[in-house]
Amino acid sequence: MFYQAGGCCEGTQPQCFQKGGFYVRMHDVCIGTVEDCEFWIDKDLFEYWKFSHFTLDVLDGFGVGGFSLETPLGKTFKIHYRLFTEDELNNLTPITTAK
């Protein structure tokens, strides 16, 4: 699973965890899947970015910390985002919220 928080340090970049290795918080939002892995986002960050399309990128280098699964591989994740077009906004799939 992937998780994108809105806090400082590790929370500024997406992280990858083995399913069950990170517990989403109440009201966090699942915005989709990447290679059959759920991508969850902090509920407050979702409110800020809910009109944006996310693209997950993998780069050479080390992220802020060592909790994410890609760290030992010398990789890091980065999000690129853009605003949805009007057509995309009209055709969005409903999101899943953690309960």
N, C-alpha and C. Protein backbone atom coordinates (compact mmCIF):
# COMPACT_ATOMS: atom_id res chain seq x y z
N MET A 1 0.83 -1.18 0.00
CA MET A 1 0.00 0.00 0.00
C MET A 1 0.88 1.24 0.00
N PHE A 2 0.33 2.32 -0.51
CA PHE A 2 1.00 3.62 -0.47
C PHE A 2 0.23 4.53 0.47
N TYR A 3 0.97 5.43 1.09
CA TYR A 3 0.33 6.43 1.96
C TYR A 3 1.01 7.76 1.76
N GLN A 4 0.20 8.80 1.59
CA GLN A 4 0.69 10.17 1.46
C GLN A 4 0.11 10.98 2.60
N ALA A 5 0.97 11.44 3.49
CA ALA A 5 0.53 12.25 4.62
C ALA A 5 0.72 13.72 4.28
N GLY A 6 0.24 14.57 5.13
CA GLY A 6 0.38 16.00 4.90
C GLY A 6 1.30 16.66 5.89
N GLY A 7 1.98 15.88 6.72
CA GLY A 7 2.82 16.46 7.76
C GLY A 7 4.22 16.76 7.29
N CYS A 8 5.10 16.92 8.25
CA CYS A 8 6.49 17.25 7.95
C CYS A 8 7.31 15.96 7.80
N CYS A 9 8.56 16.12 7.46
CA CYS A 9 9.52 15.03 7.36
C CYS A 9 9.03 13.94 6.42
N GLU A 10 8.86 12.71 6.93
CA GLU A 10 8.43 11.59 6.09
C GLU A 10 7.08 11.83 5.44
N GLY A 11 6.25 12.68 6.05
CA GLY A 11 4.91 12.91 5.54
C GLY A 11 4.85 13.73 4.26
N THR A 12 5.99 14.27 3.84
CA THR A 12 5.97 15.12 2.66
C THR A 12 6.10 14.34 1.36
N GLN A 13 6.37 13.06 1.43
CA GLN A 13 6.48 12.26 0.22
C GLN A 13 5.73 10.95 0.41
N PRO A 14 5.27 10.36 -0.69
CA PRO A 14 4.53 9.10 -0.55
C PRO A 14 5.44 7.99 -0.04
N GLN A 15 4.85 7.11 0.74
CA GLN A 15 5.59 5.98 1.29
C GLN A 15 4.90 4.68 0.92
N CYS A 16 5.68 3.63 0.82
CA CYS A 16 5.17 2.31 0.46
C CYS A 16 5.37 1.37 1.65
N PHE A 17 4.30 0.67 2.00
CA PHE A 17 4.35 -0.27 3.12
C PHE A 17 3.77 -1.61 2.69
N GLN A 18 4.24 -2.67 3.32
CA GLN A 18 3.61 -3.97 3.12
C GLN A 18 2.19 -3.84 3.67
N LYS A 19 1.22 -4.43 2.96
CA LYS A 19 -0.17 -4.34 3.41
C LYS A 19 -0.25 -4.86 4.85
N GLY A 20 -0.87 -4.08 5.71
CA GLY A 20 -0.95 -4.42 7.13
C GLY A 20 0.19 -3.84 7.95
N GLY A 21 1.21 -3.29 7.28
CA GLY A 21 2.35 -2.70 7.97
C GLY A 21 2.12 -1.24 8.36
N PHE A 22 1.03 -0.68 7.90
CA PHE A 22 0.66 0.69 8.24
C PHE A 22 -0.86 0.71 8.35
N TYR A 23 -1.35 1.31 9.39
CA TYR A 23 -2.79 1.38 9.59
C TYR A 23 -3.30 2.77 9.25
N VAL A 24 -4.21 2.83 8.28
CA VAL A 24 -4.78 4.13 7.94
C VAL A 24 -5.61 4.64 9.10
N ARG A 25 -5.70 5.94 9.18
CA ARG A 25 -6.45 6.57 10.26
C ARG A 25 -7.90 6.78 9.84
N MET A 26 -8.74 7.01 10.82
CA MET A 26 -10.15 7.24 10.54
C MET A 26 -10.29 8.40 9.56
N HIS A 27 -11.08 8.19 8.54
CA HIS A 27 -11.40 9.18 7.52
C HIS A 27 -10.30 9.42 6.48
N ASP A 28 -9.15 8.70 6.55
CA ASP A 28 -8.19 8.80 5.46
C ASP A 28 -8.86 8.30 4.19
N VAL A 29 -8.36 8.70 3.04
CA VAL A 29 -9.05 8.47 1.78
C VAL A 29 -8.21 7.62 0.84
N CYS A 30 -8.82 6.58 0.26
CA CYS A 30 -8.17 5.78 -0.77
C CYS A 30 -8.50 6.43 -2.12
N ILE A 31 -7.47 6.94 -2.80
CA ILE A 31 -7.70 7.66 -4.05
C ILE A 31 -7.51 6.79 -5.28
N GLY A 32 -7.11 5.53 -5.09
CA GLY A 32 -6.95 4.64 -6.24
C GLY A 32 -5.96 3.53 -5.94
N THR A 33 -5.50 2.89 -7.01
CA THR A 33 -4.52 1.81 -6.87
C THR A 33 -3.37 2.04 -7.85
N VAL A 34 -2.21 1.52 -7.44
CA VAL A 34 -1.01 1.52 -8.27
C VAL A 34 -0.50 0.08 -8.30
N GLU A 35 -0.55 -0.56 -9.48
CA GLU A 35 -0.11 -1.96 -9.58
C GLU A 35 -0.78 -2.82 -8.50
N ASP A 36 -2.09 -2.67 -8.36
CA ASP A 36 -2.90 -3.42 -7.39
C ASP A 36 -2.61 -3.09 -5.93
N CYS A 37 -1.92 -1.99 -5.68
CA CYS A 37 -1.65 -1.53 -4.31
C CYS A 37 -2.51 -0.29 -4.04
N GLU A 38 -3.24 -0.29 -2.95
CA GLU A 38 -4.06 0.87 -2.61
C GLU A 38 -3.18 2.09 -2.35
N PHE A 39 -3.69 3.26 -2.73
CA PHE A 39 -2.99 4.51 -2.45
C PHE A 39 -3.90 5.37 -1.56
N TRP A 40 -3.47 5.53 -0.31
CA TRP A 40 -4.24 6.27 0.69
C TRP A 40 -3.61 7.64 0.91
N ILE A 41 -4.46 8.60 1.26
CA ILE A 41 -4.00 9.96 1.50
C ILE A 41 -4.65 10.50 2.77
N ASP A 42 -3.89 11.30 3.50
CA ASP A 42 -4.38 11.95 4.70
C ASP A 42 -5.65 12.74 4.38
N LYS A 43 -6.64 12.67 5.26
CA LYS A 43 -7.95 13.30 4.98
C LYS A 43 -7.85 14.80 4.77
N ASP A 44 -7.00 15.48 5.53
CA ASP A 44 -6.86 16.93 5.36
C ASP A 44 -6.15 17.27 4.05
N LEU A 45 -5.16 16.49 3.70
CA LEU A 45 -4.47 16.69 2.43
C LEU A 45 -5.41 16.42 1.26
N PHE A 46 -6.27 15.41 1.40
CA PHE A 46 -7.25 15.14 0.35
C PHE A 46 -8.15 16.35 0.10
N GLU A 47 -8.59 17.00 1.17
CA GLU A 47 -9.45 18.18 1.01
C GLU A 47 -8.74 19.27 0.21
N TYR A 48 -7.45 19.38 0.40
CA TYR A 48 -6.67 20.38 -0.31
C TYR A 48 -6.45 20.00 -1.78
N TRP A 49 -6.21 18.69 -2.04
CA TRP A 49 -5.84 18.21 -3.37
C TRP A 49 -6.95 17.44 -4.08
N LYS A 50 -8.17 17.48 -3.62
CA LYS A 50 -9.22 16.62 -4.19
C LYS A 50 -9.56 16.95 -5.64
N PHE A 51 -9.10 18.06 -6.15
CA PHE A 51 -9.35 18.40 -7.55
C PHE A 51 -8.12 18.15 -8.42
N SER A 52 -7.20 17.32 -7.91
CA SER A 52 -5.93 17.08 -8.59
C SER A 52 -5.75 15.63 -9.00
N HIS A 53 -5.09 15.44 -10.14
CA HIS A 53 -4.69 14.12 -10.62
C HIS A 53 -3.27 13.86 -10.16
N PHE A 54 -3.06 12.73 -9.49
CA PHE A 54 -1.73 12.37 -9.00
C PHE A 54 -1.04 11.43 -9.97
N THR A 55 0.25 11.63 -10.17
CA THR A 55 1.10 10.68 -10.89
C THR A 55 2.25 10.33 -9.95
N LEU A 56 2.41 9.03 -9.68
CA LEU A 56 3.47 8.55 -8.80
C LEU A 56 4.71 8.27 -9.63
N ASP A 57 5.84 8.83 -9.22
CA ASP A 57 7.10 8.65 -9.93
C ASP A 57 8.09 7.97 -8.99
N VAL A 58 9.02 7.21 -9.55
CA VAL A 58 10.08 6.56 -8.79
C VAL A 58 11.40 7.15 -9.28
N LEU A 59 12.21 7.64 -8.35
CA LEU A 59 13.47 8.28 -8.69
C LEU A 59 14.63 7.61 -7.97
N ASP A 60 15.81 7.71 -8.54
CA ASP A 60 17.01 7.29 -7.83
C ASP A 60 17.28 8.28 -6.71
N GLY A 61 17.71 7.77 -5.58
CA GLY A 61 18.04 8.65 -4.45
C GLY A 61 17.34 8.18 -3.20
N PHE A 62 17.56 8.92 -2.14
CA PHE A 62 16.99 8.56 -0.85
C PHE A 62 16.02 9.63 -0.41
N GLY A 63 14.91 9.17 0.14
CA GLY A 63 13.90 10.08 0.64
C GLY A 63 14.30 10.64 1.99
N VAL A 64 13.32 11.19 2.66
CA VAL A 64 13.55 11.86 3.93
C VAL A 64 13.92 10.88 5.04
N GLY A 65 13.37 9.70 5.01
CA GLY A 65 13.62 8.75 6.10
C GLY A 65 13.72 7.33 5.60
N GLY A 66 13.63 6.37 6.50
CA GLY A 66 13.83 5.00 6.12
C GLY A 66 12.68 4.07 6.37
N PHE A 67 11.46 4.58 6.52
CA PHE A 67 10.33 3.72 6.82
C PHE A 67 9.73 3.06 5.59
N SER A 68 9.88 3.65 4.44
CA SER A 68 9.24 3.18 3.22
C SER A 68 10.05 2.03 2.60
N LEU A 69 9.34 1.09 1.97
CA LEU A 69 9.97 -0.13 1.46
C LEU A 69 11.02 0.09 0.37
N GLU A 70 10.98 1.19 -0.35
CA GLU A 70 11.93 1.41 -1.44
C GLU A 70 13.29 1.91 -0.96
N THR A 71 13.40 2.35 0.28
CA THR A 71 14.62 2.97 0.79
C THR A 71 15.87 2.10 0.62
N PRO A 72 15.84 0.80 0.98
CA PRO A 72 17.04 -0.02 0.81
C PRO A 72 17.46 -0.19 -0.65
N LEU A 73 16.58 0.11 -1.58
CA LEU A 73 16.88 -0.04 -3.01
C LEU A 73 17.49 1.22 -3.61
N GLY A 74 17.67 2.26 -2.78
CA GLY A 74 18.23 3.51 -3.28
C GLY A 74 17.26 4.27 -4.17
N LYS A 75 15.98 4.11 -3.89
CA LYS A 75 14.92 4.78 -4.66
C LYS A 75 14.09 5.65 -3.73
N THR A 76 13.31 6.54 -4.33
CA THR A 76 12.37 7.35 -3.57
C THR A 76 11.17 7.63 -4.46
N PHE A 77 10.04 7.89 -3.85
CA PHE A 77 8.82 8.20 -4.58
C PHE A 77 8.58 9.71 -4.58
N LYS A 78 7.97 10.17 -5.65
CA LYS A 78 7.60 11.58 -5.77
C LYS A 78 6.24 11.66 -6.45
N ILE A 79 5.44 12.62 -6.01
CA ILE A 79 4.13 12.86 -6.62
C ILE A 79 4.21 14.07 -7.54
N HIS A 80 3.70 13.92 -8.75
CA HIS A 80 3.47 15.04 -9.65
C HIS A 80 1.95 15.18 -9.71
N TYR A 81 1.47 16.38 -9.69
CA TYR A 81 0.02 16.54 -9.77
C TYR A 81 -0.35 17.72 -10.65
N ARG A 82 -1.56 17.62 -11.16
CA ARG A 82 -2.14 18.68 -11.98
C ARG A 82 -3.62 18.72 -11.67
N LEU A 83 -4.26 19.83 -11.96
CA LEU A 83 -5.70 19.92 -11.74
C LEU A 83 -6.45 19.08 -12.77
N PHE A 84 -7.54 18.45 -12.34
CA PHE A 84 -8.40 17.72 -13.26
C PHE A 84 -9.00 18.67 -14.28
N THR A 85 -9.24 18.15 -15.48
CA THR A 85 -10.01 18.90 -16.46
C THR A 85 -11.47 18.85 -16.05
N GLU A 86 -12.29 19.67 -16.65
CA GLU A 86 -13.73 19.66 -16.34
C GLU A 86 -14.34 18.31 -16.67
N ASP A 87 -13.96 17.70 -17.80
CA ASP A 87 -14.47 16.37 -18.14
C ASP A 87 -14.07 15.33 -17.11
N GLU A 88 -12.81 15.38 -16.66
CA GLU A 88 -12.35 14.43 -15.65
C GLU A 88 -13.13 14.60 -14.34
N LEU A 89 -13.34 15.83 -13.94
CA LEU A 89 -14.11 16.08 -12.71
C LEU A 89 -15.51 15.50 -12.79
N ASN A 90 -16.11 15.59 -13.96
CA ASN A 90 -17.48 15.08 -14.14
C ASN A 90 -17.55 13.56 -14.17
N ASN A 91 -16.41 12.88 -14.32
CA ASN A 91 -16.41 11.42 -14.44
C ASN A 91 -15.60 10.73 -13.34
N LEU A 92 -15.39 11.40 -12.22
CA LEU A 92 -14.62 10.79 -11.13
C LEU A 92 -15.38 9.64 -10.49
N THR A 93 -14.65 8.63 -10.10
CA THR A 93 -15.21 7.49 -9.36
C THR A 93 -15.27 7.88 -7.89
N PRO A 94 -16.34 7.50 -7.19
CA PRO A 94 -16.41 7.82 -5.75
C PRO A 94 -15.22 7.23 -5.00
N ILE A 95 -14.77 7.93 -3.99
CA ILE A 95 -13.60 7.51 -3.20
C ILE A 95 -14.02 6.66 -2.02
N THR A 96 -13.03 5.95 -1.44
CA THR A 96 -13.25 5.14 -0.25
C THR A 96 -12.62 5.85 0.94
N THR A 97 -13.35 5.94 2.04
CA THR A 97 -12.85 6.56 3.25
C THR A 97 -12.70 5.49 4.32
N ALA A 98 -11.58 5.55 5.05
CA ALA A 98 -11.36 4.61 6.15
C ALA A 98 -12.38 4.87 7.24
N LYS A 99 -12.82 3.81 7.88
CA LYS A 99 -13.81 3.93 8.95
C LYS A 99 -13.26 3.40 10.24
